Amino acid sequence: MKKTALVMLLLGLLGLPMASQALTESEAEDMADLTAVFVYLKNNCGYSDMPNEQIRRAIQIFALQNKWDMTNYGAYDMRALGEASYRDLSGIAIPTPNKCRSLASNSLSLLAYAR
């Protein structure tokens, strides 16, 4: 019996939960969208002093809160997804101050958890 099959069988027999599914395309896009929000806030809204490491931790916490399995994170071109999300966000026809206020009020609270 293969080692992985044996481990899965043992976990099932012990009543432990099986591993969650790998990160889906939709979840990867959600992560890219959140990244784009933080980049937009830094580049366009005067939050340039927001530490990149704190942003990374906030996004990781967001993924953990959603119980996303990040084992296949590298399978997605997150840079391309993030750039597309940023372009989409930048193209929304709302005055920048209004957009900044809305984005900040809906996302900056995540940074508090990442400290």
N, C-alpha and C. Protein backbone atom coordinates (compact mmCIF):
# COMPACT_ATOMS: atom_id res chain seq x y z
N MET A 1 0.85 -1.17 0.00
CA MET A 1 0.00 0.00 0.00
C MET A 1 0.89 1.23 0.00
N LYS A 2 0.54 2.21 -0.82
CA LYS A 2 1.31 3.44 -0.86
C LYS A 2 1.25 4.13 0.49
N LYS A 3 2.31 4.85 0.81
CA LYS A 3 2.40 5.53 2.09
C LYS A 3 1.26 6.54 2.28
N THR A 4 0.93 7.32 1.22
CA THR A 4 -0.15 8.32 1.35
C THR A 4 -1.50 7.65 1.57
N ALA A 5 -1.74 6.58 0.88
CA ALA A 5 -3.01 5.88 1.05
C ALA A 5 -3.12 5.33 2.46
N LEU A 6 -2.02 4.83 3.00
CA LEU A 6 -2.01 4.31 4.36
C LEU A 6 -2.29 5.42 5.37
N VAL A 7 -1.68 6.58 5.18
CA VAL A 7 -1.91 7.72 6.08
C VAL A 7 -3.37 8.13 6.02
N MET A 8 -3.95 8.23 4.82
CA MET A 8 -5.36 8.61 4.66
C MET A 8 -6.27 7.59 5.36
N LEU A 9 -5.94 6.33 5.20
CA LEU A 9 -6.73 5.28 5.85
C LEU A 9 -6.66 5.40 7.36
N LEU A 10 -5.46 5.61 7.88
CA LEU A 10 -5.29 5.76 9.32
C LEU A 10 -6.03 6.98 9.86
N LEU A 11 -5.95 8.11 9.14
CA LEU A 11 -6.67 9.31 9.57
C LEU A 11 -8.18 9.06 9.58
N GLY A 12 -8.66 8.37 8.57
CA GLY A 12 -10.08 8.04 8.51
C GLY A 12 -10.50 7.13 9.65
N LEU A 13 -9.66 6.17 9.96
CA LEU A 13 -9.98 5.24 11.05
C LEU A 13 -9.94 5.93 12.41
N LEU A 14 -9.06 6.91 12.55
CA LEU A 14 -8.96 7.62 13.80
C LEU A 14 -10.03 8.71 13.94
N GLY A 15 -10.79 8.92 12.90
CA GLY A 15 -11.85 9.92 12.96
C GLY A 15 -11.36 11.34 12.81
N LEU A 16 -10.13 11.52 12.34
CA LEU A 16 -9.60 12.87 12.14
C LEU A 16 -10.07 13.41 10.80
N PRO A 17 -10.26 14.70 10.72
CA PRO A 17 -10.72 15.27 9.45
C PRO A 17 -9.69 15.10 8.35
N MET A 18 -10.16 14.91 7.14
CA MET A 18 -9.27 14.79 5.99
C MET A 18 -8.80 16.19 5.60
N ALA A 19 -7.72 16.26 4.86
CA ALA A 19 -7.18 17.55 4.42
C ALA A 19 -8.20 18.26 3.54
N SER A 20 -8.21 19.57 3.64
CA SER A 20 -9.14 20.35 2.83
C SER A 20 -8.67 20.37 1.38
N GLN A 21 -9.55 20.84 0.52
CA GLN A 21 -9.20 20.92 -0.89
C GLN A 21 -8.17 22.01 -1.10
N ALA A 22 -7.42 21.86 -2.16
CA ALA A 22 -6.41 22.85 -2.50
C ALA A 22 -7.08 24.17 -2.87
N LEU A 23 -6.30 25.23 -2.86
CA LEU A 23 -6.77 26.57 -3.19
C LEU A 23 -7.43 26.55 -4.57
N THR A 24 -8.64 27.06 -4.64
CA THR A 24 -9.34 27.09 -5.93
C THR A 24 -8.97 28.36 -6.69
N GLU A 25 -9.33 28.39 -7.95
CA GLU A 25 -9.05 29.58 -8.77
C GLU A 25 -9.78 30.80 -8.21
N SER A 26 -10.99 30.60 -7.77
CA SER A 26 -11.78 31.70 -7.19
C SER A 26 -11.13 32.25 -5.92
N GLU A 27 -10.62 31.36 -5.09
CA GLU A 27 -9.94 31.79 -3.85
C GLU A 27 -8.65 32.53 -4.18
N ALA A 28 -7.92 32.04 -5.18
CA ALA A 28 -6.69 32.72 -5.60
C ALA A 28 -7.02 34.12 -6.13
N GLU A 29 -8.11 34.24 -6.86
CA GLU A 29 -8.54 35.55 -7.35
C GLU A 29 -8.93 36.47 -6.20
N ASP A 30 -9.59 35.92 -5.19
CA ASP A 30 -9.94 36.72 -4.01
C ASP A 30 -8.69 37.24 -3.31
N MET A 31 -7.68 36.39 -3.20
CA MET A 31 -6.42 36.82 -2.59
C MET A 31 -5.76 37.92 -3.43
N ALA A 32 -5.80 37.75 -4.75
CA ALA A 32 -5.23 38.77 -5.64
C ALA A 32 -6.01 40.08 -5.51
N ASP A 33 -7.33 39.98 -5.38
CA ASP A 33 -8.15 41.19 -5.21
C ASP A 33 -7.77 41.92 -3.93
N LEU A 34 -7.61 41.18 -2.85
CA LEU A 34 -7.24 41.79 -1.57
C LEU A 34 -5.85 42.43 -1.67
N THR A 35 -4.95 41.75 -2.33
CA THR A 35 -3.61 42.31 -2.54
C THR A 35 -3.71 43.61 -3.33
N ALA A 36 -4.53 43.61 -4.37
CA ALA A 36 -4.71 44.81 -5.20
C ALA A 36 -5.27 45.96 -4.38
N VAL A 37 -6.16 45.66 -3.45
CA VAL A 37 -6.72 46.71 -2.59
C VAL A 37 -5.61 47.36 -1.78
N PHE A 38 -4.76 46.55 -1.16
CA PHE A 38 -3.66 47.11 -0.37
C PHE A 38 -2.68 47.89 -1.23
N VAL A 39 -2.37 47.38 -2.41
CA VAL A 39 -1.46 48.09 -3.32
C VAL A 39 -2.09 49.42 -3.75
N TYR A 40 -3.38 49.40 -4.03
CA TYR A 40 -4.07 50.63 -4.41
C TYR A 40 -4.02 51.65 -3.27
N LEU A 41 -4.28 51.18 -2.05
CA LEU A 41 -4.22 52.07 -0.89
C LEU A 41 -2.82 52.69 -0.74
N LYS A 42 -1.79 51.86 -0.96
CA LYS A 42 -0.41 52.36 -0.85
C LYS A 42 -0.09 53.35 -1.96
N ASN A 43 -0.46 53.02 -3.18
CA ASN A 43 -0.06 53.83 -4.33
C ASN A 43 -0.94 55.06 -4.58
N ASN A 44 -2.20 54.98 -4.23
CA ASN A 44 -3.13 56.02 -4.64
C ASN A 44 -3.83 56.75 -3.50
N CYS A 45 -3.68 56.26 -2.29
CA CYS A 45 -4.49 56.81 -1.20
C CYS A 45 -3.69 57.34 -0.03
N GLY A 46 -2.38 57.45 -0.19
CA GLY A 46 -1.57 58.03 0.87
C GLY A 46 -1.16 57.08 1.98
N TYR A 47 -1.29 55.79 1.77
CA TYR A 47 -0.88 54.81 2.78
C TYR A 47 0.46 54.19 2.41
N SER A 48 1.35 54.98 1.87
CA SER A 48 2.63 54.46 1.37
C SER A 48 3.52 53.88 2.46
N ASP A 49 3.26 54.22 3.71
CA ASP A 49 4.09 53.70 4.80
C ASP A 49 3.60 52.35 5.34
N MET A 50 2.56 51.80 4.73
CA MET A 50 2.06 50.49 5.14
C MET A 50 3.14 49.43 4.85
N PRO A 51 3.62 48.71 5.88
CA PRO A 51 4.69 47.72 5.65
C PRO A 51 4.22 46.53 4.82
N ASN A 52 5.01 46.18 3.81
CA ASN A 52 4.67 45.04 2.95
C ASN A 52 4.53 43.75 3.74
N GLU A 53 5.38 43.55 4.74
CA GLU A 53 5.31 42.32 5.54
C GLU A 53 3.98 42.24 6.30
N GLN A 54 3.52 43.35 6.78
CA GLN A 54 2.23 43.37 7.48
C GLN A 54 1.09 43.06 6.50
N ILE A 55 1.19 43.54 5.29
CA ILE A 55 0.19 43.23 4.26
C ILE A 55 0.20 41.74 3.97
N ARG A 56 1.41 41.16 3.81
CA ARG A 56 1.50 39.71 3.55
C ARG A 56 0.84 38.91 4.67
N ARG A 57 1.14 39.30 5.91
CA ARG A 57 0.55 38.58 7.05
C ARG A 57 -0.97 38.74 7.07
N ALA A 58 -1.46 39.92 6.74
CA ALA A 58 -2.91 40.16 6.71
C ALA A 58 -3.58 39.25 5.68
N ILE A 59 -2.95 39.10 4.53
CA ILE A 59 -3.51 38.24 3.48
C ILE A 59 -3.46 36.78 3.91
N GLN A 60 -2.38 36.37 4.58
CA GLN A 60 -2.29 35.01 5.10
C GLN A 60 -3.36 34.76 6.16
N ILE A 61 -3.58 35.73 7.03
CA ILE A 61 -4.61 35.60 8.06
C ILE A 61 -5.98 35.50 7.41
N PHE A 62 -6.22 36.29 6.37
CA PHE A 62 -7.48 36.23 5.63
C PHE A 62 -7.70 34.82 5.08
N ALA A 63 -6.64 34.25 4.51
CA ALA A 63 -6.74 32.89 3.96
C ALA A 63 -7.00 31.87 5.08
N LEU A 64 -6.32 32.01 6.20
CA LEU A 64 -6.52 31.10 7.33
C LEU A 64 -7.93 31.20 7.88
N GLN A 65 -8.44 32.42 8.00
CA GLN A 65 -9.80 32.62 8.51
C GLN A 65 -10.83 31.94 7.61
N ASN A 66 -10.52 31.90 6.32
CA ASN A 66 -11.43 31.26 5.36
C ASN A 66 -11.15 29.76 5.20
N LYS A 67 -10.16 29.27 5.97
CA LYS A 67 -9.78 27.85 5.95
C LYS A 67 -9.37 27.38 4.55
N TRP A 68 -8.62 28.23 3.87
CA TRP A 68 -8.14 27.89 2.54
C TRP A 68 -6.84 27.10 2.66
N ASP A 69 -6.73 26.05 1.88
CA ASP A 69 -5.54 25.22 1.83
C ASP A 69 -4.57 25.86 0.84
N MET A 70 -3.46 26.32 1.35
CA MET A 70 -2.52 27.08 0.53
C MET A 70 -1.42 26.21 -0.09
N THR A 71 -1.54 24.89 -0.01
CA THR A 71 -0.47 24.02 -0.48
C THR A 71 -0.18 24.18 -1.97
N ASN A 72 -1.16 24.59 -2.75
CA ASN A 72 -0.92 24.75 -4.19
C ASN A 72 -0.87 26.22 -4.60
N TYR A 73 -0.59 27.09 -3.66
CA TYR A 73 -0.52 28.54 -3.92
C TYR A 73 0.40 28.84 -5.11
N GLY A 74 1.51 28.15 -5.19
CA GLY A 74 2.47 28.37 -6.26
C GLY A 74 1.98 27.96 -7.64
N ALA A 75 0.86 27.28 -7.72
CA ALA A 75 0.32 26.86 -9.01
C ALA A 75 -0.34 28.02 -9.75
N TYR A 76 -0.58 29.11 -9.06
CA TYR A 76 -1.24 30.27 -9.67
C TYR A 76 -0.22 31.38 -9.91
N ASP A 77 -0.42 32.10 -10.99
CA ASP A 77 0.43 33.25 -11.28
C ASP A 77 -0.17 34.44 -10.53
N MET A 78 0.15 34.52 -9.25
CA MET A 78 -0.46 35.53 -8.39
C MET A 78 -0.07 36.94 -8.81
N ARG A 79 1.11 37.10 -9.37
CA ARG A 79 1.51 38.43 -9.84
C ARG A 79 0.57 38.90 -10.95
N ALA A 80 0.31 38.03 -11.92
CA ALA A 80 -0.58 38.39 -13.03
C ALA A 80 -2.01 38.62 -12.53
N LEU A 81 -2.47 37.76 -11.62
CA LEU A 81 -3.81 37.94 -11.06
C LEU A 81 -3.91 39.26 -10.30
N GLY A 82 -2.88 39.58 -9.52
CA GLY A 82 -2.87 40.83 -8.76
C GLY A 82 -2.84 42.05 -9.66
N GLU A 83 -2.04 41.99 -10.73
CA GLU A 83 -1.98 43.11 -11.66
C GLU A 83 -3.31 43.33 -12.36
N ALA A 84 -3.97 42.23 -12.74
CA ALA A 84 -5.29 42.35 -13.36
C ALA A 84 -6.30 42.94 -12.38
N SER A 85 -6.25 42.50 -11.14
CA SER A 85 -7.15 43.04 -10.12
C SER A 85 -6.90 44.52 -9.90
N TYR A 86 -5.63 44.91 -9.88
CA TYR A 86 -5.27 46.32 -9.69
C TYR A 86 -5.79 47.16 -10.85
N ARG A 87 -5.63 46.66 -12.06
CA ARG A 87 -6.14 47.39 -13.24
C ARG A 87 -7.66 47.54 -13.16
N ASP A 88 -8.33 46.45 -12.78
CA ASP A 88 -9.79 46.51 -12.64
C ASP A 88 -10.19 47.54 -11.59
N LEU A 89 -9.53 47.50 -10.45
CA LEU A 89 -9.83 48.42 -9.36
C LEU A 89 -9.55 49.86 -9.77
N SER A 90 -8.44 50.08 -10.44
CA SER A 90 -8.09 51.43 -10.89
C SER A 90 -9.10 51.96 -11.92
N GLY A 91 -9.69 51.06 -12.68
CA GLY A 91 -10.62 51.46 -13.73
C GLY A 91 -12.03 51.74 -13.25
N ILE A 92 -12.33 51.48 -12.00
CA ILE A 92 -13.68 51.75 -11.49
C ILE A 92 -13.89 53.26 -11.48
N ALA A 93 -14.94 53.70 -12.12
CA ALA A 93 -15.19 55.13 -12.30
C ALA A 93 -15.86 55.76 -11.07
N ILE A 94 -15.10 55.81 -10.00
CA ILE A 94 -15.51 56.47 -8.76
C ILE A 94 -14.40 57.45 -8.43
N PRO A 95 -14.71 58.64 -7.97
CA PRO A 95 -13.63 59.56 -7.60
C PRO A 95 -12.67 58.91 -6.60
N THR A 96 -11.38 59.14 -6.81
CA THR A 96 -10.35 58.50 -6.00
C THR A 96 -10.57 58.68 -4.50
N PRO A 97 -10.89 59.88 -4.02
CA PRO A 97 -11.09 60.01 -2.56
C PRO A 97 -12.21 59.10 -2.03
N ASN A 98 -13.28 58.98 -2.78
CA ASN A 98 -14.39 58.10 -2.36
C ASN A 98 -13.95 56.63 -2.39
N LYS A 99 -13.23 56.28 -3.44
CA LYS A 99 -12.74 54.90 -3.57
C LYS A 99 -11.78 54.59 -2.41
N CYS A 100 -10.89 55.51 -2.12
CA CYS A 100 -9.92 55.31 -1.04
C CYS A 100 -10.63 55.14 0.30
N ARG A 101 -11.61 55.99 0.57
CA ARG A 101 -12.35 55.89 1.83
C ARG A 101 -13.03 54.53 1.97
N SER A 102 -13.68 54.11 0.91
CA SER A 102 -14.38 52.83 0.93
C SER A 102 -13.42 51.66 1.11
N LEU A 103 -12.35 51.65 0.35
CA LEU A 103 -11.37 50.56 0.45
C LEU A 103 -10.73 50.53 1.83
N ALA A 104 -10.38 51.69 2.34
CA ALA A 104 -9.74 51.75 3.66
C ALA A 104 -10.69 51.26 4.75
N SER A 105 -11.93 51.70 4.70
CA SER A 105 -12.87 51.32 5.77
C SER A 105 -13.20 49.83 5.73
N ASN A 106 -13.06 49.21 4.56
CA ASN A 106 -13.41 47.80 4.43
C ASN A 106 -12.23 46.84 4.51
N SER A 107 -11.00 47.37 4.57
CA SER A 107 -9.87 46.44 4.53
C SER A 107 -8.77 46.71 5.56
N LEU A 108 -8.63 47.93 6.01
CA LEU A 108 -7.51 48.23 6.92
C LEU A 108 -7.62 47.51 8.25
N SER A 109 -8.82 47.11 8.65
CA SER A 109 -8.95 46.39 9.92
C SER A 109 -8.20 45.05 9.90
N LEU A 110 -8.01 44.47 8.72
CA LEU A 110 -7.23 43.23 8.60
C LEU A 110 -5.79 43.43 9.06
N LEU A 111 -5.26 44.63 8.86
CA LEU A 111 -3.87 44.89 9.23
C LEU A 111 -3.67 44.83 10.74
N ALA A 112 -4.72 45.13 11.49
CA ALA A 112 -4.61 45.08 12.95
C ALA A 112 -4.29 43.67 13.44
N TYR A 113 -4.80 42.67 12.75
CA TYR A 113 -4.54 41.28 13.12
C TYR A 113 -3.13 40.84 12.75
N ALA A 114 -2.52 41.55 11.82
CA ALA A 114 -1.22 41.14 11.29
C ALA A 114 -0.04 41.75 12.05
N ARG A 115 -0.30 42.48 13.08
CA ARG A 115 0.80 43.11 13.83
C ARG A 115 1.49 42.15 14.72
